[in-house]
Every structure is written in C-alpha cells, then in structure tokens.
Amino acid sequence: GKTARKLVAGDTVVTNKGVKHWHGAT
C-alpha cells in the first residue's frame, strides 16, 4: 500500500512484525 523506496549501499530499513513487504534489485 505504499510507494517503493530506492535503496543504496549504507541504507538501513526496519520492518515491524506483520508488515507485508518485499525487497529486491533494481
């Protein structure tokens, strides 16, 4: 339900329990 966020080296993401998400390469 949210906009994708671009990630690069040095970024950190914290996802809480129960939050449906995905991550992968551009």
PDB file of all heavy atoms in Angstrom:
ATOM      1  N   GLY A   1       0.780  -1.224   0.000  1.00  0.00           N
ATOM      2  CA  GLY A   1       0.000   0.000   0.000  1.00  0.00           C
ATOM      3  C   GLY A   1       0.818   1.283   0.000  1.00  0.00           C
ATOM      4  O   GLY A   1       0.247   2.380   0.017  1.00  0.00           O
ATOM      5  N   LYS A   2       2.137   1.173  -0.019  1.00  0.00           N
ATOM      6  CA  LYS A   2       2.994   2.356  -0.002  1.00  0.00           C
ATOM      7  C   LYS A   2       3.852   2.417  -1.263  1.00  0.00           C
ATOM      8  O   LYS A   2       4.020   1.435  -1.973  1.00  0.00           O
ATOM      9  CB  LYS A   2       3.894   2.350   1.236  1.00  0.00           C
ATOM     10  CG  LYS A   2       3.118   2.474   2.533  1.00  0.00           C
ATOM     11  CD  LYS A   2       4.040   2.632   3.699  1.00  0.00           C
ATOM     12  CE  LYS A   2       3.267   2.797   4.998  1.00  0.00           C
ATOM     13  NZ  LYS A   2       4.169   2.967   6.142  1.00  0.00           N
ATOM     14  N   THR A   3       4.448   3.572  -1.513  1.00  0.00           N
ATOM     15  CA  THR A   3       5.340   3.778  -2.646  1.00  0.00           C
ATOM     16  C   THR A   3       6.674   3.072  -2.386  1.00  0.00           C
ATOM     17  O   THR A   3       7.162   3.065  -1.256  1.00  0.00           O
ATOM     18  CB  THR A   3       5.586   5.289  -2.844  1.00  0.00           C
ATOM     19  OG1 THR A   3       4.327   5.928  -3.037  1.00  0.00           O
ATOM     20  CG2 THR A   3       6.474   5.557  -4.039  1.00  0.00           C
ATOM     21  N   ALA A   4       7.258   2.518  -3.438  1.00  0.00           N
ATOM     22  CA  ALA A   4       8.561   1.854  -3.318  1.00  0.00           C
ATOM     23  C   ALA A   4       9.640   2.877  -2.973  1.00  0.00           C
ATOM     24  O   ALA A   4       9.604   4.016  -3.434  1.00  0.00           O
ATOM     25  CB  ALA A   4       8.911   1.139  -4.616  1.00  0.00           C
ATOM     26  N   ARG A   5      10.596   2.437  -2.180  1.00  0.00           N
ATOM     27  CA  ARG A   5      11.724   3.278  -1.767  1.00  0.00           C
ATOM     28  C   ARG A   5      13.002   2.702  -2.371  1.00  0.00           C
ATOM     29  O   ARG A   5      13.278   1.509  -2.242  1.00  0.00           O
ATOM     30  CB  ARG A   5      11.812   3.241  -0.243  1.00  0.00           C
ATOM     31  CG  ARG A   5      13.029   3.901   0.327  1.00  0.00           C
ATOM     32  CD  ARG A   5      13.042   3.764   1.843  1.00  0.00           C
ATOM     33  NE  ARG A   5      14.384   4.012   2.348  1.00  0.00           N
ATOM     34  CZ  ARG A   5      14.777   3.707   3.561  1.00  0.00           C
ATOM     35  NH1 ARG A   5      13.957   3.144   4.412  1.00  0.00           N
ATOM     36  NH2 ARG A   5      16.012   3.961   3.932  1.00  0.00           N
ATOM     37  N   LYS A   6      13.792   3.538  -3.051  1.00  0.00           N
ATOM     38  CA  LYS A   6      15.054   3.079  -3.631  1.00  0.00           C
ATOM     39  C   LYS A   6      16.104   2.962  -2.533  1.00  0.00           C
ATOM     40  O   LYS A   6      16.211   3.830  -1.666  1.00  0.00           O
ATOM     41  CB  LYS A   6      15.543   4.031  -4.716  1.00  0.00           C
ATOM     42  CG  LYS A   6      16.673   3.454  -5.540  1.00  0.00           C
ATOM     43  CD  LYS A   6      16.914   4.287  -6.770  1.00  0.00           C
ATOM     44  CE  LYS A   6      17.870   3.577  -7.697  1.00  0.00           C
ATOM     45  NZ  LYS A   6      18.071   4.343  -8.927  1.00  0.00           N
ATOM     46  N   LEU A   7      16.865   1.880  -2.563  1.00  0.00           N
ATOM     47  CA  LEU A   7      17.902   1.615  -1.570  1.00  0.00           C
ATOM     48  C   LEU A   7      19.278   1.576  -2.226  1.00  0.00           C
ATOM     49  O   LEU A   7      19.418   1.070  -3.340  1.00  0.00           O
ATOM     50  CB  LEU A   7      17.644   0.267  -0.888  1.00  0.00           C
ATOM     51  CG  LEU A   7      16.309   0.096  -0.177  1.00  0.00           C
ATOM     52  CD1 LEU A   7      16.157  -1.332   0.318  1.00  0.00           C
ATOM     53  CD2 LEU A   7      16.195   1.078   0.965  1.00  0.00           C
ATOM     54  N   VAL A   8      20.266   2.111  -1.523  1.00  0.00           N
ATOM     55  CA  VAL A   8      21.660   2.063  -1.969  1.00  0.00           C
ATOM     56  C   VAL A   8      22.531   1.668  -0.779  1.00  0.00           C
ATOM     57  O   VAL A   8      22.082   1.699   0.371  1.00  0.00           O
ATOM     58  CB  VAL A   8      22.122   3.421  -2.551  1.00  0.00           C
ATOM     59  CG1 VAL A   8      21.343   3.775  -3.808  1.00  0.00           C
ATOM     60  CG2 VAL A   8      22.002   4.528  -1.527  1.00  0.00           C
ATOM     61  N   ALA A   9      23.786   1.342  -1.061  1.00  0.00           N
ATOM     62  CA  ALA A   9      24.715   0.940  -0.007  1.00  0.00           C
ATOM     63  C   ALA A   9      24.707   1.949   1.144  1.00  0.00           C
ATOM     64  O   ALA A   9      24.743   3.151   0.922  1.00  0.00           O
ATOM     65  CB  ALA A   9      26.122   0.796  -0.571  1.00  0.00           C
ATOM     66  N   GLY A  10      24.616   1.426   2.361  1.00  0.00           N
ATOM     67  CA  GLY A  10      24.586   2.257   3.556  1.00  0.00           C
ATOM     68  C   GLY A  10      23.187   2.478   4.109  1.00  0.00           C
ATOM     69  O   GLY A  10      23.032   2.874   5.260  1.00  0.00           O
ATOM     70  N   ASP A  11      22.147   2.219   3.299  1.00  0.00           N
ATOM     71  CA  ASP A  11      20.778   2.376   3.784  1.00  0.00           C
ATOM     72  C   ASP A  11      20.413   1.256   4.749  1.00  0.00           C
ATOM     73  O   ASP A  11      20.913   0.125   4.642  1.00  0.00           O
ATOM     74  CB  ASP A  11      19.774   2.366   2.622  1.00  0.00           C
ATOM     75  CG  ASP A  11      19.779   3.653   1.820  1.00  0.00           C
ATOM     76  OD1 ASP A  11      20.341   4.652   2.302  1.00  0.00           O
ATOM     77  OD2 ASP A  11      19.214   3.645   0.710  1.00  0.00           O
ATOM     78  N   THR A  12      19.531   1.577   5.677  1.00  0.00           N
ATOM     79  CA  THR A  12      19.008   0.614   6.640  1.00  0.00           C
ATOM     80  C   THR A  12      17.492   0.737   6.646  1.00  0.00           C
ATOM     81  O   THR A  12      16.955   1.840   6.616  1.00  0.00           O
ATOM     82  CB  THR A  12      19.540   0.913   8.058  1.00  0.00           C
ATOM     83  OG1 THR A  12      20.964   0.848   8.039  1.00  0.00           O
ATOM     84  CG2 THR A  12      19.008  -0.071   9.067  1.00  0.00           C
ATOM     85  N   VAL A  13      16.815  -0.408   6.691  1.00  0.00           N
ATOM     86  CA  VAL A  13      15.358  -0.434   6.768  1.00  0.00           C
ATOM     87  C   VAL A  13      14.972  -1.330   7.936  1.00  0.00           C
ATOM     88  O   VAL A  13      15.514  -2.427   8.089  1.00  0.00           O
ATOM     89  CB  VAL A  13      14.734  -1.008   5.470  1.00  0.00           C
ATOM     90  CG1 VAL A  13      13.219  -1.089   5.588  1.00  0.00           C
ATOM     91  CG2 VAL A  13      15.130  -0.182   4.264  1.00  0.00           C
ATOM     92  N   VAL A  14      14.041  -0.871   8.760  1.00  0.00           N
ATOM     93  CA  VAL A  14      13.499  -1.682   9.838  1.00  0.00           C
ATOM     94  C   VAL A  14      12.023  -1.911   9.540  1.00  0.00           C
ATOM     95  O   VAL A  14      11.272  -0.955   9.354  1.00  0.00           O
ATOM     96  CB  VAL A  14      13.655  -1.001  11.212  1.00  0.00           C
ATOM     97  CG1 VAL A  14      13.024  -1.857  12.305  1.00  0.00           C
ATOM     98  CG2 VAL A  14      15.119  -0.724  11.516  1.00  0.00           C
ATOM     99  N   THR A  15      11.619  -3.172   9.464  1.00  0.00           N
ATOM    100  CA  THR A  15      10.236  -3.533   9.204  1.00  0.00           C
ATOM    101  C   THR A  15       9.672  -4.214  10.443  1.00  0.00           C
ATOM    102  O   THR A  15      10.259  -5.183  10.935  1.00  0.00           O
ATOM    103  CB  THR A  15      10.139  -4.507   8.005  1.00  0.00           C
ATOM    104  OG1 THR A  15      10.788  -3.926   6.880  1.00  0.00           O
ATOM    105  CG2 THR A  15       8.701  -4.796   7.655  1.00  0.00           C
ATOM    106  N   ASN A  16       8.573  -3.716  10.937  1.00  0.00           N
ATOM    107  CA  ASN A  16       7.953  -4.293  12.122  1.00  0.00           C
ATOM    108  C   ASN A  16       7.176  -5.563  11.798  1.00  0.00           C
ATOM    109  O   ASN A  16       6.792  -5.798  10.650  1.00  0.00           O
ATOM    110  CB  ASN A  16       7.025  -3.266  12.781  1.00  0.00           C
ATOM    111  CG  ASN A  16       7.807  -2.113  13.368  1.00  0.00           C
ATOM    112  OD1 ASN A  16       8.826  -2.310  14.015  1.00  0.00           O
ATOM    113  ND2 ASN A  16       7.340  -0.905  13.126  1.00  0.00           N
ATOM    114  N   LYS A  17       6.938  -6.352  12.801  1.00  0.00           N
ATOM    115  CA  LYS A  17       6.205  -7.607  12.671  1.00  0.00           C
ATOM    116  C   LYS A  17       4.855  -7.360  12.002  1.00  0.00           C
ATOM    117  O   LYS A  17       4.167  -6.383  12.310  1.00  0.00           O
ATOM    118  CB  LYS A  17       5.992  -8.223  14.051  1.00  0.00           C
ATOM    119  CG  LYS A  17       5.248  -9.530  14.031  1.00  0.00           C
ATOM    120  CD  LYS A  17       5.094 -10.084  15.426  1.00  0.00           C
ATOM    121  CE  LYS A  17       4.366 -11.408  15.384  1.00  0.00           C
ATOM    122  NZ  LYS A  17       4.217 -11.970  16.729  1.00  0.00           N
ATOM    123  N   GLY A  18       4.510  -8.249  11.074  1.00  0.00           N
ATOM    124  CA  GLY A  18       3.212  -8.187  10.424  1.00  0.00           C
ATOM    125  C   GLY A  18       3.106  -7.219   9.267  1.00  0.00           C
ATOM    126  O   GLY A  18       2.044  -7.087   8.673  1.00  0.00           O
ATOM    127  N   VAL A  19       4.185  -6.517   8.924  1.00  0.00           N
ATOM    128  CA  VAL A  19       4.160  -5.575   7.801  1.00  0.00           C
ATOM    129  C   VAL A  19       4.551  -6.332   6.532  1.00  0.00           C
ATOM    130  O   VAL A  19       5.691  -6.797   6.397  1.00  0.00           O
ATOM    131  CB  VAL A  19       5.107  -4.382   8.036  1.00  0.00           C
ATOM    132  CG1 VAL A  19       5.152  -3.484   6.810  1.00  0.00           C
ATOM    133  CG2 VAL A  19       4.683  -3.601   9.269  1.00  0.00           C
ATOM    134  N   LYS A  20       3.609  -6.484   5.623  1.00  0.00           N
ATOM    135  CA  LYS A  20       3.863  -7.194   4.365  1.00  0.00           C
ATOM    136  C   LYS A  20       4.711  -6.296   3.474  1.00  0.00           C
ATOM    137  O   LYS A  20       4.375  -5.133   3.235  1.00  0.00           O
ATOM    138  CB  LYS A  20       2.538  -7.527   3.695  1.00  0.00           C
ATOM    139  CG  LYS A  20       2.666  -8.432   2.498  1.00  0.00           C
ATOM    140  CD  LYS A  20       1.283  -8.829   2.002  1.00  0.00           C
ATOM    141  CE  LYS A  20       1.384  -9.720   0.797  1.00  0.00           C
ATOM    142  NZ  LYS A  20       0.039 -10.099   0.299  1.00  0.00           N
ATOM    143  N   HIS A  21       5.842  -6.816   3.003  1.00  0.00           N
ATOM    144  CA  HIS A  21       6.755  -6.023   2.180  1.00  0.00           C
ATOM    145  C   HIS A  21       7.561  -6.943   1.271  1.00  0.00           C
ATOM    146  O   HIS A  21       7.526  -8.155   1.414  1.00  0.00           O
ATOM    147  CB  HIS A  21       7.706  -5.225   3.070  1.00  0.00           C
ATOM    148  CG  HIS A  21       8.749  -6.074   3.740  1.00  0.00           C
ATOM    149  ND1 HIS A  21       8.467  -6.817   4.865  1.00  0.00           N
ATOM    150  CD2 HIS A  21      10.042  -6.326   3.429  1.00  0.00           C
ATOM    151  CE1 HIS A  21       9.562  -7.477   5.224  1.00  0.00           C
ATOM    152  NE2 HIS A  21      10.530  -7.194   4.364  1.00  0.00           N
ATOM    153  N   TRP A  22       8.282  -6.325   0.357  1.00  0.00           N
ATOM    154  CA  TRP A  22       9.244  -7.067  -0.470  1.00  0.00           C
ATOM    155  C   TRP A  22      10.445  -6.165  -0.693  1.00  0.00           C
ATOM    156  O   TRP A  22      10.391  -4.953  -0.525  1.00  0.00           O
ATOM    157  CB  TRP A  22       8.607  -7.499  -1.803  1.00  0.00           C
ATOM    158  CG  TRP A  22       8.276  -6.382  -2.742  1.00  0.00           C
ATOM    159  CD1 TRP A  22       7.117  -5.670  -2.802  1.00  0.00           C
ATOM    160  CD2 TRP A  22       9.127  -5.825  -3.751  1.00  0.00           C
ATOM    161  NE1 TRP A  22       7.184  -4.711  -3.775  1.00  0.00           N
ATOM    162  CE2 TRP A  22       8.419  -4.789  -4.378  1.00  0.00           C
ATOM    163  CE3 TRP A  22      10.417  -6.092  -4.182  1.00  0.00           C
ATOM    164  CZ2 TRP A  22       8.954  -4.034  -5.413  1.00  0.00           C
ATOM    165  CZ3 TRP A  22      10.939  -5.328  -5.213  1.00  0.00           C
ATOM    166  CH2 TRP A  22      10.209  -4.321  -5.816  1.00  0.00           C
ATOM    167  N   HIS A  23      11.563  -6.790  -1.065  1.00  0.00           N
ATOM    168  CA  HIS A  23      12.770  -6.043  -1.414  1.00  0.00           C
ATOM    169  C   HIS A  23      13.542  -6.831  -2.453  1.00  0.00           C
ATOM    170  O   HIS A  23      13.492  -8.061  -2.477  1.00  0.00           O
ATOM    171  CB  HIS A  23      13.641  -5.742  -0.185  1.00  0.00           C
ATOM    172  CG  HIS A  23      13.977  -6.929   0.648  1.00  0.00           C
ATOM    173  ND1 HIS A  23      13.121  -7.419   1.618  1.00  0.00           N
ATOM    174  CD2 HIS A  23      15.053  -7.726   0.659  1.00  0.00           C
ATOM    175  CE1 HIS A  23      13.678  -8.476   2.191  1.00  0.00           C
ATOM    176  NE2 HIS A  23      14.852  -8.683   1.623  1.00  0.00           N
ATOM    177  N   GLY A  24      14.224  -6.104  -3.347  1.00  0.00           N
ATOM    178  CA  GLY A  24      14.996  -6.750  -4.398  1.00  0.00           C
ATOM    179  C   GLY A  24      15.724  -5.725  -5.247  1.00  0.00           C
ATOM    180  O   GLY A  24      15.579  -4.513  -5.050  1.00  0.00           O
ATOM    181  N   ALA A  25      16.486  -6.203  -6.196  1.00  0.00           N
ATOM    182  CA  ALA A  25      17.328  -5.354  -7.047  1.00  0.00           C
ATOM    183  C   ALA A  25      16.506  -4.483  -7.989  1.00  0.00           C
ATOM    184  O   ALA A  25      15.386  -4.830  -8.361  1.00  0.00           O
ATOM    185  CB  ALA A  25      18.277  -6.226  -7.869  1.00  0.00           C
ATOM    186  N   THR A  26      17.092  -3.335  -8.373  1.00  0.00           N
ATOM    187  CA  THR A  26      16.502  -2.526  -9.429  1.00  0.00           C
ATOM    188  C   THR A  26      16.741  -3.244 -10.755  1.00  0.00           C
ATOM    189  O   THR A  26      17.528  -4.188 -10.836  1.00  0.00           O
ATOM    190  CB  THR A  26      17.124  -1.112  -9.481  1.00  0.00           C
ATOM    191  OG1 THR A  26      18.512  -1.229  -9.792  1.00  0.00           O
ATOM    192  CG2 THR A  26      16.931  -0.363  -8.176  1.00  0.00           C
TER     193      THR A  26
END
